[in-house]
Amino acid sequence: MREYKLRNYTTLDAKIDYSNEIKKFPNNLSESKKLQQETKNKLNRLKGIYINESTNYRACITSETIGKILRPAPKINEVSISYYLNLLVSQQLDSLFKKAIYVDTLLPMKRNNPNEIGYHHFVVPIAINNLQYKVMITAREKKNSNILYVVKVNVVSDINLSKVVQINDIYQISVRDLIDDVSIYNYNLHSYIKYDHTDYLSENNLEYGYCI
């Protein structure tokens, strides 16, 4: 069981800043392959360890991370908008993980692996081509390791624009509104779990939180 201390700015009313990115989406399989290679190159440059600012968790971007992003399971259509989005947001994985908000930890899908403790799920906002999304970052924890391993990055839902404040070129959303209505698939229950801000461990009600 891993212990973490939440910092002051991770209270429910704290605001997370993000800005819009203008990106070109592929129009065919050939352009999709180019985006895949571009994403692979950027992620290779990002290999290393990064610290999540709200939990002090350390997570590593590895060759396994890159492989799972480029070839996710279950298999996704290589010429789909959802796949393009996942690749584009993955190119910012270092900065996204740093400011992501922890949501929950679920037990491993395969209980026959004694080295796995659980999968930690973080959510973070992003804007691409003036459309706003919630991105889920999933990181695996192994026994006898103080470093997590990022294994999945995917856009999970749109952001409710009524919950967003814009100040010049910067968007802001509260931790409360970011977490509300986030769903995580529980492979052991074979169903989605929906979360809201009441599930969040903040300094308003608890000094220390336990992920699992």
Protein backbone atom coordinates (compact mmCIF):
# COMPACT_ATOMS: atom_id res chain seq x y z
CA MET A 1 0.00 0.00 0.00
CA ARG A 2 1.47 3.30 -1.12
CA GLU A 3 0.95 6.45 0.93
CA TYR A 4 0.88 9.95 -0.49
CA LYS A 5 0.29 13.45 0.84
CA LEU A 6 -1.90 15.76 -1.19
CA ARG A 7 -0.74 19.32 -1.63
CA ASN A 8 -2.70 22.52 -1.08
CA TYR A 9 -3.57 23.14 -4.72
CA THR A 10 -5.21 19.73 -5.13
CA THR A 11 -8.29 20.65 -3.12
CA LEU A 12 -11.57 20.20 -4.94
CA ASP A 13 -11.86 23.90 -5.75
CA ALA A 14 -8.32 24.17 -7.08
CA LYS A 15 -8.06 25.12 -10.76
CA ILE A 16 -6.04 23.30 -13.39
CA ASP A 17 -4.74 25.41 -16.26
CA TYR A 18 -4.45 24.20 -19.83
CA SER A 19 -4.28 25.76 -23.28
CA ASN A 20 -5.43 24.94 -26.80
CA GLU A 21 -3.17 23.07 -29.22
CA ILE A 22 -3.70 23.27 -32.99
CA LYS A 23 -2.99 19.91 -34.58
CA LYS A 24 -3.37 18.42 -38.06
CA PHE A 25 -5.30 15.17 -38.18
CA PRO A 26 -4.39 12.47 -40.73
CA ASN A 27 -6.71 11.90 -43.69
CA ASN A 28 -5.65 8.38 -44.59
CA LEU A 29 -3.63 5.37 -43.47
CA SER A 30 -0.38 6.74 -44.88
CA GLU A 31 -0.72 9.94 -42.86
CA SER A 32 -1.73 7.87 -39.83
CA LYS A 33 1.55 5.95 -40.14
CA LYS A 34 3.43 9.25 -40.20
CA LEU A 35 1.64 10.39 -37.02
CA GLN A 36 2.51 7.09 -35.38
CA GLN A 37 6.17 7.54 -36.22
CA GLU A 38 6.11 11.15 -35.03
CA THR A 39 4.53 10.05 -31.74
CA LYS A 40 7.07 7.25 -31.35
CA ASN A 41 9.96 9.66 -31.90
CA LYS A 42 8.62 12.19 -29.39
CA LEU A 43 7.94 9.53 -26.76
CA ASN A 44 11.42 8.10 -27.22
CA ARG A 45 12.77 11.55 -26.36
CA LEU A 46 10.50 11.62 -23.30
CA LYS A 47 11.71 8.32 -21.85
CA GLY A 48 12.44 8.83 -18.17
CA ILE A 49 10.84 9.40 -14.79
CA TYR A 50 8.31 12.13 -14.03
CA ILE A 51 6.70 13.26 -10.77
CA ASN A 52 2.97 13.81 -10.39
CA GLU A 53 2.64 17.13 -8.55
CA SER A 54 -0.48 16.26 -6.55
CA THR A 55 0.63 12.87 -5.19
CA ASN A 56 4.42 12.81 -5.54
CA TYR A 57 4.07 9.56 -7.45
CA ARG A 58 6.94 8.89 -9.82
CA ALA A 59 6.09 7.29 -13.15
CA CYS A 60 8.32 6.08 -15.93
CA ILE A 61 7.88 6.35 -19.68
CA THR A 62 9.50 3.27 -21.21
CA SER A 63 9.64 1.33 -24.47
CA GLU A 64 6.69 -0.68 -23.15
CA THR A 65 4.74 2.57 -22.70
CA ILE A 66 5.39 3.52 -26.30
CA GLY A 67 4.39 0.11 -27.62
CA LYS A 68 1.11 0.10 -25.71
CA ILE A 69 0.24 3.60 -26.92
CA LEU A 70 0.95 2.79 -30.55
CA ARG A 71 -0.69 -0.65 -30.40
CA PRO A 72 -3.35 -0.46 -27.68
CA ALA A 73 -5.44 -3.40 -26.53
CA PRO A 74 -8.16 -3.96 -27.47
CA LYS A 75 -7.10 -3.09 -31.00
CA ILE A 76 -8.26 0.30 -32.28
CA ASN A 77 -8.84 1.48 -35.84
CA GLU A 78 -5.67 3.19 -37.09
CA VAL A 79 -7.68 5.68 -39.15
CA SER A 80 -10.10 6.72 -36.41
CA ILE A 81 -10.37 10.10 -34.68
CA SER A 82 -10.09 8.43 -31.27
CA TYR A 83 -6.76 6.84 -32.24
CA TYR A 84 -5.42 10.14 -33.60
CA LEU A 85 -6.45 11.92 -30.41
CA ASN A 86 -4.74 9.33 -28.22
CA LEU A 87 -1.52 9.69 -30.22
CA LEU A 88 -1.60 13.49 -30.11
CA VAL A 89 -2.20 13.71 -26.37
CA SER A 90 0.51 11.09 -25.76
CA GLN A 91 3.04 13.45 -27.28
CA GLN A 92 2.52 15.63 -24.19
CA LEU A 93 2.63 12.75 -21.71
CA ASP A 94 5.39 14.25 -19.56
CA SER A 95 3.58 17.52 -18.83
CA LEU A 96 0.16 15.86 -18.64
CA PHE A 97 1.25 13.36 -16.00
CA LYS A 98 2.83 16.08 -13.89
CA LYS A 99 -0.47 17.95 -13.44
CA ALA A 100 -2.89 15.02 -13.63
CA ILE A 101 -5.28 14.33 -10.75
CA TYR A 102 -5.37 10.90 -9.15
CA VAL A 103 -8.77 9.18 -9.29
CA ASP A 104 -8.50 5.55 -8.17
CA THR A 105 -6.46 2.35 -8.19
CA LEU A 106 -7.92 -0.93 -9.45
CA LEU A 107 -6.62 -4.45 -8.94
CA PRO A 108 -4.74 -6.09 -11.79
CA MET A 109 -6.87 -7.69 -14.50
CA LYS A 110 -4.69 -10.80 -14.42
CA ARG A 111 -4.51 -12.01 -10.83
CA ASN A 112 -1.97 -14.66 -11.82
CA ASN A 113 0.83 -12.07 -11.95
CA PRO A 114 2.16 -11.87 -8.38
CA ASN A 115 4.40 -8.91 -9.21
CA GLU A 116 1.54 -6.52 -10.00
CA ILE A 117 -0.11 -4.54 -7.20
CA GLY A 118 -2.55 -2.38 -9.10
CA TYR A 119 -3.27 0.12 -11.83
CA HIS A 120 -3.41 3.80 -10.85
CA HIS A 121 -5.69 6.09 -12.85
CA PHE A 122 -5.15 9.82 -13.29
CA VAL A 123 -7.25 12.34 -15.22
CA VAL A 124 -6.10 15.59 -16.83
CA PRO A 125 -7.73 18.20 -19.14
CA ILE A 126 -6.52 19.04 -22.63
CA ALA A 127 -7.73 21.14 -25.57
CA ILE A 128 -7.00 20.26 -29.19
CA ASN A 129 -8.29 22.29 -32.14
CA ASN A 130 -10.63 24.18 -29.78
CA LEU A 131 -12.26 20.97 -28.53
CA GLN A 132 -11.77 20.00 -24.89
CA TYR A 133 -11.29 16.53 -23.46
CA LYS A 134 -10.56 14.56 -20.32
CA VAL A 135 -7.54 12.31 -20.70
CA MET A 136 -6.97 9.19 -18.58
CA ILE A 137 -3.41 8.14 -17.77
CA THR A 138 -3.02 4.62 -16.39
CA ALA A 139 0.14 3.54 -14.58
CA ARG A 140 1.00 0.08 -13.29
CA GLU A 141 2.55 -0.50 -9.87
CA LYS A 142 4.79 -3.50 -9.28
CA LYS A 143 5.94 -5.04 -6.03
CA ASN A 144 9.26 -3.87 -4.63
CA SER A 145 9.29 -0.79 -6.85
CA ASN A 146 8.78 2.86 -5.96
CA ILE A 147 8.23 3.83 -9.59
CA LEU A 148 5.02 3.43 -11.60
CA TYR A 149 5.02 2.48 -15.27
CA VAL A 150 2.69 4.29 -17.66
CA VAL A 151 0.82 1.71 -19.73
CA LYS A 152 -2.09 3.63 -21.25
CA VAL A 153 -3.04 7.15 -22.34
CA ASN A 154 -6.48 7.74 -23.82
CA VAL A 155 -9.15 10.40 -24.25
CA VAL A 156 -12.15 9.26 -22.21
CA SER A 157 -14.75 12.03 -22.60
CA ASP A 158 -15.50 15.59 -23.60
CA ILE A 159 -15.32 18.39 -21.05
CA ASN A 160 -18.54 20.17 -20.16
CA LEU A 161 -17.72 23.69 -21.38
CA SER A 162 -20.11 25.24 -18.86
CA LYS A 163 -17.60 24.15 -16.19
CA VAL A 164 -14.64 25.85 -17.89
CA VAL A 165 -13.37 29.39 -17.31
CA GLN A 166 -11.29 31.05 -20.01
CA ILE A 167 -8.78 33.77 -19.16
CA ASN A 168 -7.16 35.08 -22.33
CA ASP A 169 -5.63 31.98 -23.96
CA ILE A 170 -5.78 29.83 -20.83
CA TYR A 171 -8.61 27.49 -19.84
CA GLN A 172 -9.30 26.56 -16.24
CA ILE A 173 -11.33 23.72 -14.74
CA SER A 174 -11.67 22.80 -11.08
CA VAL A 175 -10.58 19.45 -9.71
CA ARG A 176 -14.21 18.91 -8.70
CA ASP A 177 -15.51 19.34 -12.26
CA LEU A 178 -12.64 17.39 -13.79
CA ILE A 179 -13.36 14.30 -11.70
CA ASP A 180 -17.15 14.40 -11.95
CA ASP A 181 -18.53 11.76 -14.35
CA VAL A 182 -15.17 10.12 -15.07
CA SER A 183 -15.62 6.40 -15.78
CA ILE A 184 -13.01 3.66 -15.44
CA TYR A 185 -13.52 0.15 -16.75
CA ASN A 186 -13.09 -2.51 -14.07
CA TYR A 187 -11.97 -5.67 -15.84
CA ASN A 188 -12.66 -7.84 -12.81
CA LEU A 189 -16.26 -6.62 -12.54
CA HIS A 190 -16.66 -6.36 -16.34
CA SER A 191 -18.30 -2.97 -16.00
CA TYR A 192 -17.54 0.75 -15.79
CA ILE A 193 -17.25 2.55 -12.46
CA LYS A 194 -18.39 6.16 -12.53
CA TYR A 195 -16.70 8.64 -10.20
CA ASP A 196 -17.50 12.08 -8.90
CA HIS A 197 -15.81 14.57 -6.60
CA THR A 198 -17.06 12.78 -3.46
CA ASP A 199 -14.60 9.99 -4.29
CA TYR A 200 -11.68 12.39 -4.25
CA LEU A 201 -9.31 12.50 -1.29
CA SER A 202 -8.49 16.15 -0.64
CA GLU A 203 -6.88 18.01 2.20
CA ASN A 204 -10.32 19.36 3.03
CA ASN A 205 -11.23 16.06 4.65
CA LEU A 206 -8.13 13.88 4.83
CA GLU A 207 -4.46 14.67 5.23
CA TYR A 208 -3.22 11.35 3.91
CA GLY A 209 -4.74 9.15 1.26
CA TYR A 210 -4.16 5.55 0.40
CA CYS A 211 -4.39 4.44 -3.19
CA ILE A 212 -5.17 0.80 -2.44
